[in-house]
Amino acid sequence: MSRLIRSNDNRALTELYARYSSKLLGFFMKMFKGDVAKSQDFLQDIFVRIIEKKHLFDTDKRFYSWVFTIASNMCKTEFRKPFLMSISNDDIEHENLMVSDDNLSDKKSFKRLLKQKVHRLDYNHKAVFILRFNEKFSLKEIADITETSVGTVKSRLFYATKKITKELQEYNPKNDSNLFKIN
């Protein structure tokens, strides 16, 4: 990043893209429910912003945290936009099929349902959950990225995890009363 700031070196930008594009694309994909086109647009936009705002980067800090701060803010702005959400009967039937799936050991079913529950969280809870459990950021880094305190990050993680855990109770073997029942 220092080379890019000093001399507008295209090789420096190419190196930054090579190092961080796949992580950023993965973050955007998780934030936007797997919408590839939107995620790729956001990936392009973030690198344009890096070029335009390179003078704002503090070379004493980590680039990784700085770029994820930008990505998080871009998502926050996008989630604030008003939109019309239409739910078709197919979507409702699909979700009901997912919930009533009898094969609790099916990891794919669980992962799919977990993704649905994460995507339904409000922006603040979803962002900290993804940054912590998918991107493996520390609590301090998440606080820096989301521009909040560590206490706020802990609180949001607690409530996000609590909500997801409550909604996925059917996958808890302790709740299966027939597990050790002898007929």
N, C-alpha and C. Protein backbone atom coordinates (compact mmCIF):
# COMPACT_ATOMS: atom_id res chain seq x y z
N MET A 1 0.84 -1.19 0.00
CA MET A 1 0.00 0.00 0.00
C MET A 1 0.88 1.25 0.00
N SER A 2 2.01 1.16 0.67
CA SER A 2 2.92 2.31 0.71
C SER A 2 3.41 2.66 -0.69
N ARG A 3 3.72 1.64 -1.51
CA ARG A 3 4.14 1.89 -2.90
C ARG A 3 3.03 2.54 -3.70
N LEU A 4 1.82 2.10 -3.50
CA LEU A 4 0.68 2.68 -4.22
C LEU A 4 0.49 4.14 -3.83
N ILE A 5 0.64 4.45 -2.56
CA ILE A 5 0.48 5.83 -2.08
C ILE A 5 1.58 6.72 -2.65
N ARG A 6 2.83 6.24 -2.61
CA ARG A 6 3.96 7.06 -3.05
C ARG A 6 3.99 7.29 -4.56
N SER A 7 3.77 6.22 -5.32
CA SER A 7 4.07 6.34 -6.76
C SER A 7 2.97 5.85 -7.70
N ASN A 8 1.77 5.59 -7.19
CA ASN A 8 0.70 5.08 -8.05
C ASN A 8 1.14 3.86 -8.86
N ASP A 9 1.91 3.00 -8.25
CA ASP A 9 2.48 1.83 -8.90
C ASP A 9 1.38 0.81 -9.19
N ASN A 10 1.17 0.52 -10.47
CA ASN A 10 0.13 -0.45 -10.86
C ASN A 10 0.45 -1.85 -10.35
N ARG A 11 1.73 -2.18 -10.25
CA ARG A 11 2.09 -3.51 -9.73
C ARG A 11 1.68 -3.65 -8.27
N ALA A 12 1.74 -2.55 -7.53
CA ALA A 12 1.31 -2.59 -6.13
C ALA A 12 -0.19 -2.85 -6.04
N LEU A 13 -0.95 -2.20 -6.91
CA LEU A 13 -2.40 -2.43 -6.93
C LEU A 13 -2.71 -3.86 -7.35
N THR A 14 -1.98 -4.37 -8.32
CA THR A 14 -2.17 -5.75 -8.77
C THR A 14 -1.88 -6.72 -7.63
N GLU A 15 -0.84 -6.43 -6.86
CA GLU A 15 -0.49 -7.29 -5.72
C GLU A 15 -1.57 -7.24 -4.64
N LEU A 16 -2.08 -6.06 -4.36
CA LEU A 16 -3.16 -5.93 -3.38
C LEU A 16 -4.39 -6.72 -3.84
N TYR A 17 -4.70 -6.61 -5.12
CA TYR A 17 -5.85 -7.34 -5.67
C TYR A 17 -5.62 -8.85 -5.53
N ALA A 18 -4.42 -9.30 -5.87
CA ALA A 18 -4.12 -10.74 -5.79
C ALA A 18 -4.24 -11.25 -4.36
N ARG A 19 -3.81 -10.45 -3.39
CA ARG A 19 -3.82 -10.88 -1.99
C ARG A 19 -5.20 -10.85 -1.35
N TYR A 20 -6.01 -9.85 -1.70
CA TYR A 20 -7.22 -9.60 -0.92
C TYR A 20 -8.54 -9.78 -1.67
N SER A 21 -8.50 -9.91 -2.97
CA SER A 21 -9.77 -9.96 -3.72
C SER A 21 -10.63 -11.16 -3.36
N SER A 22 -10.02 -12.34 -3.20
CA SER A 22 -10.85 -13.52 -2.91
C SER A 22 -11.48 -13.43 -1.52
N LYS A 23 -10.75 -12.91 -0.54
CA LYS A 23 -11.31 -12.74 0.82
C LYS A 23 -12.45 -11.73 0.80
N LEU A 24 -12.24 -10.62 0.10
CA LEU A 24 -13.27 -9.58 0.03
C LEU A 24 -14.50 -10.09 -0.73
N LEU A 25 -14.27 -10.81 -1.81
CA LEU A 25 -15.40 -11.37 -2.57
C LEU A 25 -16.19 -12.34 -1.69
N GLY A 26 -15.49 -13.16 -0.93
CA GLY A 26 -16.17 -14.09 -0.01
C GLY A 26 -17.00 -13.35 1.03
N PHE A 27 -16.44 -12.27 1.56
CA PHE A 27 -17.18 -11.46 2.54
C PHE A 27 -18.44 -10.88 1.91
N PHE A 28 -18.30 -10.30 0.72
CA PHE A 28 -19.47 -9.73 0.05
C PHE A 28 -20.50 -10.81 -0.28
N MET A 29 -20.05 -11.98 -0.70
CA MET A 29 -20.97 -13.07 -1.02
C MET A 29 -21.78 -13.46 0.22
N LYS A 30 -21.12 -13.51 1.36
CA LYS A 30 -21.82 -13.87 2.60
C LYS A 30 -22.80 -12.77 3.02
N MET A 31 -22.41 -11.54 2.83
CA MET A 31 -23.27 -10.43 3.23
C MET A 31 -24.48 -10.30 2.30
N PHE A 32 -24.33 -10.66 1.03
CA PHE A 32 -25.41 -10.48 0.05
C PHE A 32 -26.03 -11.80 -0.40
N LYS A 33 -26.11 -12.77 0.50
CA LYS A 33 -26.81 -14.04 0.26
C LYS A 33 -26.34 -14.76 -1.00
N GLY A 34 -25.06 -14.69 -1.30
CA GLY A 34 -24.53 -15.41 -2.45
C GLY A 34 -24.80 -14.75 -3.79
N ASP A 35 -25.22 -13.50 -3.80
CA ASP A 35 -25.46 -12.77 -5.05
C ASP A 35 -24.11 -12.46 -5.71
N VAL A 36 -23.75 -13.28 -6.69
CA VAL A 36 -22.43 -13.19 -7.33
C VAL A 36 -22.25 -11.85 -8.03
N ALA A 37 -23.23 -11.43 -8.81
CA ALA A 37 -23.11 -10.19 -9.59
C ALA A 37 -22.92 -8.98 -8.66
N LYS A 38 -23.73 -8.91 -7.63
CA LYS A 38 -23.64 -7.79 -6.69
C LYS A 38 -22.30 -7.82 -5.95
N SER A 39 -21.87 -9.00 -5.56
CA SER A 39 -20.60 -9.14 -4.85
C SER A 39 -19.43 -8.73 -5.73
N GLN A 40 -19.46 -9.12 -6.99
CA GLN A 40 -18.39 -8.73 -7.91
C GLN A 40 -18.41 -7.22 -8.16
N ASP A 41 -19.59 -6.64 -8.25
CA ASP A 41 -19.68 -5.18 -8.39
C ASP A 41 -19.06 -4.48 -7.19
N PHE A 42 -19.36 -4.98 -6.00
CA PHE A 42 -18.81 -4.38 -4.79
C PHE A 42 -17.30 -4.57 -4.72
N LEU A 43 -16.81 -5.71 -5.20
CA LEU A 43 -15.37 -5.94 -5.23
C LEU A 43 -14.69 -4.91 -6.14
N GLN A 44 -15.28 -4.68 -7.31
CA GLN A 44 -14.73 -3.67 -8.23
C GLN A 44 -14.76 -2.29 -7.56
N ASP A 45 -15.89 -1.97 -6.94
CA ASP A 45 -16.05 -0.66 -6.30
C ASP A 45 -15.03 -0.44 -5.18
N ILE A 46 -14.75 -1.50 -4.42
CA ILE A 46 -13.83 -1.31 -3.30
C ILE A 46 -12.42 -1.00 -3.79
N PHE A 47 -12.02 -1.60 -4.90
CA PHE A 47 -10.69 -1.31 -5.42
C PHE A 47 -10.63 0.08 -6.05
N VAL A 48 -11.73 0.55 -6.59
CA VAL A 48 -11.79 1.93 -7.07
C VAL A 48 -11.65 2.88 -5.87
N ARG A 49 -12.33 2.55 -4.78
CA ARG A 49 -12.23 3.38 -3.57
C ARG A 49 -10.82 3.36 -2.98
N ILE A 50 -10.17 2.22 -3.04
CA ILE A 50 -8.80 2.13 -2.54
C ILE A 50 -7.91 3.11 -3.32
N ILE A 51 -8.07 3.14 -4.62
CA ILE A 51 -7.28 4.05 -5.45
C ILE A 51 -7.62 5.50 -5.13
N GLU A 52 -8.91 5.80 -5.04
CA GLU A 52 -9.35 7.17 -4.80
C GLU A 52 -9.02 7.65 -3.39
N LYS A 53 -9.06 6.77 -2.41
CA LYS A 53 -8.89 7.15 -0.99
C LYS A 53 -7.57 6.67 -0.40
N LYS A 54 -6.61 6.36 -1.24
CA LYS A 54 -5.34 5.82 -0.74
C LYS A 54 -4.65 6.76 0.24
N HIS A 55 -4.87 8.06 0.08
CA HIS A 55 -4.26 9.05 0.98
C HIS A 55 -4.80 8.96 2.41
N LEU A 56 -5.94 8.30 2.59
CA LEU A 56 -6.53 8.16 3.93
C LEU A 56 -5.95 6.97 4.71
N PHE A 57 -5.20 6.13 4.03
CA PHE A 57 -4.64 4.95 4.70
C PHE A 57 -3.49 5.34 5.61
N ASP A 58 -3.54 4.86 6.85
CA ASP A 58 -2.48 5.08 7.83
C ASP A 58 -1.50 3.92 7.71
N THR A 59 -0.31 4.20 7.23
CA THR A 59 0.67 3.14 6.97
C THR A 59 1.15 2.45 8.24
N ASP A 60 0.83 2.99 9.39
CA ASP A 60 1.18 2.34 10.67
C ASP A 60 0.18 1.25 11.04
N LYS A 61 -0.94 1.19 10.33
CA LYS A 61 -1.98 0.20 10.64
C LYS A 61 -1.99 -0.90 9.58
N ARG A 62 -2.75 -1.94 9.87
CA ARG A 62 -2.85 -3.07 8.94
C ARG A 62 -3.80 -2.74 7.78
N PHE A 63 -3.37 -3.06 6.58
CA PHE A 63 -4.20 -2.84 5.40
C PHE A 63 -5.45 -3.72 5.47
N TYR A 64 -5.28 -4.94 5.95
CA TYR A 64 -6.38 -5.90 6.02
C TYR A 64 -7.56 -5.33 6.80
N SER A 65 -7.31 -4.76 7.96
CA SER A 65 -8.38 -4.17 8.75
C SER A 65 -8.98 -2.95 8.06
N TRP A 66 -8.14 -2.12 7.45
CA TRP A 66 -8.60 -0.92 6.77
C TRP A 66 -9.53 -1.27 5.61
N VAL A 67 -9.15 -2.24 4.80
CA VAL A 67 -9.96 -2.60 3.63
C VAL A 67 -11.27 -3.26 4.06
N PHE A 68 -11.25 -4.02 5.15
CA PHE A 68 -12.50 -4.62 5.63
C PHE A 68 -13.40 -3.57 6.29
N THR A 69 -12.82 -2.51 6.81
CA THR A 69 -13.62 -1.39 7.31
C THR A 69 -14.38 -0.76 6.16
N ILE A 70 -13.70 -0.56 5.05
CA ILE A 70 -14.35 0.00 3.85
C ILE A 70 -15.44 -0.95 3.37
N ALA A 71 -15.13 -2.24 3.31
CA ALA A 71 -16.12 -3.23 2.84
C ALA A 71 -17.34 -3.25 3.76
N SER A 72 -17.12 -3.21 5.04
CA SER A 72 -18.22 -3.21 6.00
C SER A 72 -19.09 -1.96 5.83
N ASN A 73 -18.45 -0.83 5.67
CA ASN A 73 -19.21 0.41 5.47
C ASN A 73 -19.99 0.41 4.16
N MET A 74 -19.42 -0.18 3.12
CA MET A 74 -20.15 -0.29 1.85
C MET A 74 -21.41 -1.14 2.03
N CYS A 75 -21.28 -2.24 2.75
CA CYS A 75 -22.44 -3.11 3.01
C CYS A 75 -23.47 -2.38 3.86
N LYS A 76 -23.00 -1.67 4.87
CA LYS A 76 -23.91 -0.93 5.75
C LYS A 76 -24.73 0.07 4.93
N THR A 77 -24.06 0.78 4.03
CA THR A 77 -24.75 1.74 3.17
C THR A 77 -25.77 1.04 2.28
N GLU A 78 -25.40 -0.09 1.74
CA GLU A 78 -26.30 -0.85 0.86
C GLU A 78 -27.52 -1.34 1.63
N PHE A 79 -27.33 -1.80 2.87
CA PHE A 79 -28.45 -2.30 3.66
C PHE A 79 -29.39 -1.19 4.10
N ARG A 80 -28.90 0.03 4.13
CA ARG A 80 -29.75 1.16 4.51
C ARG A 80 -30.68 1.60 3.39
N LYS A 81 -30.36 1.21 2.16
CA LYS A 81 -31.20 1.60 1.02
C LYS A 81 -32.55 0.92 1.14
N PRO A 82 -33.61 1.67 0.86
CA PRO A 82 -34.92 1.02 0.89
C PRO A 82 -35.06 0.06 -0.30
N PHE A 83 -35.69 -1.05 -0.05
CA PHE A 83 -35.91 -2.01 -1.12
C PHE A 83 -37.21 -2.75 -0.87
N LEU A 84 -37.75 -3.29 -1.94
CA LEU A 84 -38.95 -4.09 -1.85
C LEU A 84 -38.54 -5.55 -1.87
N MET A 85 -39.01 -6.28 -0.88
CA MET A 85 -38.65 -7.69 -0.81
C MET A 85 -39.91 -8.51 -1.07
N SER A 86 -39.84 -9.32 -2.08
CA SER A 86 -40.99 -10.16 -2.36
C SER A 86 -40.63 -11.60 -2.04
N ILE A 87 -41.53 -12.26 -1.36
CA ILE A 87 -41.33 -13.66 -1.01
C ILE A 87 -42.38 -14.46 -1.75
N SER A 88 -41.90 -15.38 -2.54
CA SER A 88 -42.83 -16.20 -3.30
C SER A 88 -43.24 -17.41 -2.46
N ASN A 89 -44.30 -18.07 -2.90
CA ASN A 89 -44.74 -19.28 -2.21
C ASN A 89 -43.68 -20.36 -2.28
N ASP A 90 -42.90 -20.39 -3.39
CA ASP A 90 -41.84 -21.38 -3.52
C ASP A 90 -40.79 -21.20 -2.43
N ASP A 91 -40.46 -19.93 -2.10
CA ASP A 91 -39.48 -19.66 -1.05
C ASP A 91 -39.99 -20.17 0.29
N ILE A 92 -41.25 -19.92 0.57
CA ILE A 92 -41.84 -20.35 1.84
C ILE A 92 -41.86 -21.88 1.92
N GLU A 93 -42.29 -22.55 0.83
CA GLU A 93 -42.33 -24.00 0.82
C GLU A 93 -40.94 -24.58 0.98
N HIS A 94 -39.95 -23.97 0.30
CA HIS A 94 -38.57 -24.46 0.40
C HIS A 94 -38.08 -24.38 1.83
N GLU A 95 -38.35 -23.27 2.50
CA GLU A 95 -37.90 -23.12 3.88
C GLU A 95 -38.62 -24.12 4.79
N ASN A 96 -39.89 -24.33 4.58
CA ASN A 96 -40.62 -25.30 5.39
C ASN A 96 -40.07 -26.71 5.20
N LEU A 97 -39.66 -27.03 3.96
CA LEU A 97 -39.05 -28.33 3.72
C LEU A 97 -37.72 -28.44 4.47
N MET A 98 -36.97 -27.35 4.49
CA MET A 98 -35.69 -27.35 5.18
C MET A 98 -35.89 -27.59 6.68
N VAL A 99 -36.86 -26.93 7.27
CA VAL A 99 -37.08 -27.04 8.70
C VAL A 99 -37.58 -28.43 9.07
N SER A 100 -38.41 -29.03 8.23
CA SER A 100 -38.99 -30.32 8.58
C SER A 100 -38.13 -31.50 8.14
N ASP A 101 -36.94 -31.25 7.68
CA ASP A 101 -36.06 -32.31 7.23
C ASP A 101 -35.77 -33.26 8.39
N ASP A 102 -36.07 -34.53 8.22
CA ASP A 102 -35.90 -35.50 9.29
C ASP A 102 -34.46 -35.96 9.46
N ASN A 103 -33.63 -35.79 8.47
CA ASN A 103 -32.25 -36.26 8.54
C ASN A 103 -31.37 -35.20 9.19
N LEU A 104 -31.31 -35.20 10.52
CA LEU A 104 -30.57 -34.19 11.26
C LEU A 104 -29.07 -34.30 11.06
N SER A 105 -28.59 -35.43 10.63
CA SER A 105 -27.15 -35.60 10.44
C SER A 105 -26.69 -35.05 9.10
N ASP A 106 -27.59 -34.59 8.29
CA ASP A 106 -27.23 -34.06 6.97
C ASP A 106 -26.57 -32.70 7.13
N LYS A 107 -25.27 -32.65 6.97
CA LYS A 107 -24.51 -31.41 7.17
C LYS A 107 -24.90 -30.35 6.16
N LYS A 108 -25.20 -30.76 4.94
CA LYS A 108 -25.58 -29.77 3.92
C LYS A 108 -26.86 -29.06 4.30
N SER A 109 -27.81 -29.81 4.80
CA SER A 109 -29.08 -29.22 5.22
C SER A 109 -28.86 -28.23 6.35
N PHE A 110 -28.03 -28.63 7.32
CA PHE A 110 -27.75 -27.75 8.45
C PHE A 110 -27.04 -26.47 7.99
N LYS A 111 -26.04 -26.62 7.15
CA LYS A 111 -25.29 -25.45 6.67
C LYS A 111 -26.19 -24.50 5.88
N ARG A 112 -27.05 -25.06 5.07
CA ARG A 112 -27.98 -24.24 4.27
C ARG A 112 -28.91 -23.46 5.20
N LEU A 113 -29.43 -24.13 6.20
CA LEU A 113 -30.33 -23.49 7.15
C LEU A 113 -29.58 -22.44 7.98
N LEU A 114 -28.35 -22.75 8.37
CA LEU A 114 -27.53 -21.79 9.11
C LEU A 114 -27.32 -20.53 8.28
N LYS A 115 -26.99 -20.70 7.01
CA LYS A 115 -26.82 -19.53 6.13
C LYS A 115 -28.09 -18.69 6.08
N GLN A 116 -29.24 -19.35 5.96
CA GLN A 116 -30.51 -18.62 5.93
C GLN A 116 -30.69 -17.81 7.21
N LYS A 117 -30.40 -18.42 8.33
CA LYS A 117 -30.59 -17.72 9.62
C LYS A 117 -29.61 -16.56 9.76
N VAL A 118 -28.38 -16.73 9.32
CA VAL A 118 -27.39 -15.65 9.38
C VAL A 118 -27.84 -14.50 8.48
N HIS A 119 -28.34 -14.81 7.29
CA HIS A 119 -28.77 -13.76 6.37
C HIS A 119 -29.99 -13.00 6.87
N ARG A 120 -30.73 -13.59 7.77
CA ARG A 120 -31.91 -12.91 8.32
C ARG A 120 -31.57 -11.98 9.49
N LEU A 121 -30.36 -12.08 10.00
CA LEU A 121 -29.96 -11.18 11.07
C LEU A 121 -29.92 -9.75 10.55
N ASP A 122 -30.11 -8.78 11.44
CA ASP A 122 -29.99 -7.40 10.99
C ASP A 122 -28.52 -7.14 10.66
N TYR A 123 -28.25 -6.05 9.96
CA TYR A 123 -26.91 -5.80 9.44
C TYR A 123 -25.83 -5.88 10.52
N ASN A 124 -26.01 -5.19 11.63
CA ASN A 124 -24.97 -5.12 12.67
C ASN A 124 -24.62 -6.49 13.21
N HIS A 125 -25.62 -7.31 13.47
CA HIS A 125 -25.38 -8.65 14.01
C HIS A 125 -24.75 -9.56 12.95
N LYS A 126 -25.25 -9.45 11.72
CA LYS A 126 -24.72 -10.27 10.64
C LYS A 126 -23.25 -9.94 10.37
N ALA A 127 -22.93 -8.65 10.34
CA ALA A 127 -21.55 -8.23 10.05
C ALA A 127 -20.57 -8.77 11.08
N VAL A 128 -20.88 -8.62 12.37
CA VAL A 128 -19.93 -9.10 13.38
C VAL A 128 -19.85 -10.62 13.39
N PHE A 129 -20.97 -11.29 13.13
CA PHE A 129 -20.98 -12.76 13.09
C PHE A 129 -20.08 -13.26 11.96
N ILE A 130 -20.23 -12.69 10.78
CA ILE A 130 -19.43 -13.11 9.62
C ILE A 130 -17.96 -12.75 9.81
N LEU A 131 -17.70 -11.54 10.30
CA LEU A 131 -16.30 -11.13 10.51
C LEU A 131 -15.61 -12.03 11.54
N ARG A 132 -16.34 -12.46 12.55
CA ARG A 132 -15.74 -13.30 13.60
C ARG A 132 -15.60 -14.76 13.17
N PHE A 133 -16.68 -15.35 12.70
CA PHE A 133 -16.68 -16.79 12.48
C PHE A 133 -16.28 -17.21 11.07
N ASN A 134 -16.45 -16.35 10.08
CA ASN A 134 -16.03 -16.69 8.73
C ASN A 134 -14.68 -16.09 8.37
N GLU A 135 -14.47 -14.84 8.74
CA GLU A 135 -13.24 -14.15 8.39
C GLU A 135 -12.17 -14.26 9.47
N LYS A 136 -12.54 -14.74 10.65
CA LYS A 136 -11.62 -15.01 11.76
C LYS A 136 -10.91 -13.76 12.30
N PHE A 137 -11.59 -12.63 12.31
CA PHE A 137 -11.04 -11.41 12.90
C PHE A 137 -11.14 -11.49 14.42
N SER A 138 -10.22 -10.82 15.10
CA SER A 138 -10.29 -10.73 16.56
C SER A 138 -11.38 -9.74 16.94
N LEU A 139 -11.78 -9.75 18.20
CA LEU A 139 -12.81 -8.81 18.66
C LEU A 139 -12.36 -7.37 18.48
N LYS A 140 -11.09 -7.10 18.76
CA LYS A 140 -10.55 -5.75 18.61
C LYS A 140 -10.58 -5.32 17.14
N GLU A 141 -10.20 -6.21 16.24
CA GLU A 141 -10.23 -5.88 14.81
C GLU A 141 -11.65 -5.62 14.33
N ILE A 142 -12.60 -6.41 14.81
CA ILE A 142 -14.00 -6.21 14.43
C ILE A 142 -14.48 -4.85 14.95
N ALA A 143 -14.08 -4.50 16.16
CA ALA A 143 -14.44 -3.20 16.72
C ALA A 143 -13.88 -2.08 15.85
N ASP A 144 -12.66 -2.22 15.40
CA ASP A 144 -12.06 -1.21 14.52
C ASP A 144 -12.79 -1.15 13.18
N ILE A 145 -13.09 -2.31 12.62
CA ILE A 145 -13.75 -2.37 11.31
C ILE A 145 -15.15 -1.76 11.37
N THR A 146 -15.90 -2.10 12.41
CA THR A 146 -17.28 -1.63 12.52
C THR A 146 -17.39 -0.28 13.24
N GLU A 147 -16.23 0.22 13.66
CA GLU A 147 -16.16 1.52 14.33
C GLU A 147 -17.06 1.56 15.57
N THR A 148 -16.94 0.49 16.38
CA THR A 148 -17.67 0.39 17.64
C THR A 148 -16.68 -0.05 18.72
N SER A 149 -17.16 -0.21 19.93
CA SER A 149 -16.31 -0.69 21.02
C SER A 149 -16.27 -2.21 21.03
N VAL A 150 -15.29 -2.75 21.71
CA VAL A 150 -15.19 -4.21 21.85
C VAL A 150 -16.42 -4.74 22.59
N GLY A 151 -16.90 -3.99 23.57
CA GLY A 151 -18.10 -4.39 24.31
C GLY A 151 -19.32 -4.50 23.41
N THR A 152 -19.45 -3.57 22.49
CA THR A 152 -20.57 -3.62 21.53
C THR A 152 -20.44 -4.84 20.63
N VAL A 153 -19.22 -5.12 20.19
CA VAL A 153 -18.98 -6.31 19.35
C VAL A 153 -19.37 -7.57 20.11
N LYS A 154 -18.92 -7.66 21.37
CA LYS A 154 -19.26 -8.84 22.19
C LYS A 154 -20.77 -8.98 22.35
N SER A 155 -21.44 -7.87 22.59
CA SER A 155 -22.89 -7.89 22.76
C SER A 155 -23.58 -8.36 21.48
N ARG A 156 -23.15 -7.81 20.35
CA ARG A 156 -23.77 -8.21 19.07
C ARG A 156 -23.51 -9.66 18.75
N LEU A 157 -22.31 -10.15 19.04
CA LEU A 157 -22.01 -11.56 18.83
C LEU A 157 -22.87 -12.44 19.74
N PHE A 158 -23.03 -12.02 20.97
CA PHE A 158 -23.84 -12.78 21.92
C PHE A 158 -25.28 -12.90 21.41
N TYR A 159 -25.87 -11.77 21.03
CA TYR A 159 -27.27 -11.81 20.61
C TYR A 159 -27.45 -12.51 19.26
N ALA A 160 -26.48 -12.35 18.35
CA ALA A 160 -26.57 -13.05 17.07
C ALA A 160 -26.48 -14.56 17.29
N THR A 161 -25.54 -14.98 18.11
CA THR A 161 -25.37 -16.41 18.40
C THR A 161 -26.58 -16.97 19.13
N LYS A 162 -27.10 -16.20 20.08
CA LYS A 162 -28.28 -16.63 20.84
C LYS A 162 -29.48 -16.81 19.90
N LYS A 163 -29.68 -15.87 19.00
CA LYS A 163 -30.82 -15.95 18.08
C LYS A 163 -30.69 -17.14 17.14
N ILE A 164 -29.50 -17.32 16.59
CA ILE A 164 -29.28 -18.44 15.66
C ILE A 164 -29.42 -19.77 16.40
N THR A 165 -28.87 -19.84 17.60
CA THR A 165 -28.98 -21.07 18.39
C THR A 165 -30.43 -21.41 18.68
N LYS A 166 -31.22 -20.40 19.02
CA LYS A 166 -32.64 -20.62 19.31
C LYS A 166 -33.37 -21.13 18.07
N GLU A 167 -33.05 -20.55 16.91
CA GLU A 167 -33.74 -20.94 15.68
C GLU A 167 -33.29 -22.29 15.15
N LEU A 168 -32.15 -22.77 15.62
CA LEU A 168 -31.64 -24.07 15.15
C LEU A 168 -31.75 -25.15 16.23
N GLN A 169 -32.65 -24.96 17.20
CA GLN A 169 -32.82 -25.91 18.29
C GLN A 169 -33.14 -27.31 17.81
N GLU A 170 -33.79 -27.43 16.68
CA GLU A 170 -34.16 -28.75 16.18
C GLU A 170 -32.94 -29.61 15.86
N TYR A 171 -31.78 -28.98 15.70
CA TYR A 171 -30.56 -29.72 15.41
C TYR A 171 -29.78 -30.08 16.67
N ASN A 172 -30.30 -29.73 17.83
CA ASN A 172 -29.64 -30.05 19.09
C ASN A 172 -30.08 -31.45 19.52
N PRO A 173 -29.15 -32.40 19.62
CA PRO A 173 -29.53 -33.77 19.98
C PRO A 173 -30.16 -33.87 21.37
N LYS A 174 -29.91 -32.91 22.24
CA LYS A 174 -30.51 -32.93 23.57
C LYS A 174 -32.02 -32.76 23.50
N ASN A 175 -32.50 -32.19 22.42
CA ASN A 175 -33.93 -31.94 22.28
C ASN A 175 -34.67 -33.11 21.65
N ASP A 176 -33.96 -34.14 21.26
CA ASP A 176 -34.62 -35.28 20.63
C ASP A 176 -34.96 -36.30 21.72
N SER A 177 -36.23 -36.31 22.14
CA SER A 177 -36.66 -37.19 23.23
C SER A 177 -36.69 -38.66 22.80
N ASN A 178 -36.69 -38.92 21.48
CA ASN A 178 -36.74 -40.28 21.00
C ASN A 178 -35.35 -40.87 20.76
N LEU A 179 -34.32 -40.12 21.08
CA LEU A 179 -32.97 -40.54 20.76
C LEU A 179 -32.60 -41.85 21.43
N PHE A 180 -32.90 -42.01 22.72
CA PHE A 180 -32.53 -43.23 23.43
C PHE A 180 -33.74 -44.01 23.91
N LYS A 181 -34.83 -43.80 23.25
CA LYS A 181 -36.07 -44.47 23.65
C LYS A 181 -36.07 -45.91 23.14
N ILE A 182 -36.40 -46.83 24.01
CA ILE A 182 -36.48 -48.23 23.62
C ILE A 182 -37.94 -48.58 23.43
N ASN A 183 -38.28 -49.08 22.26
CA ASN A 183 -39.68 -49.41 21.95
C ASN A 183 -40.07 -50.76 22.48
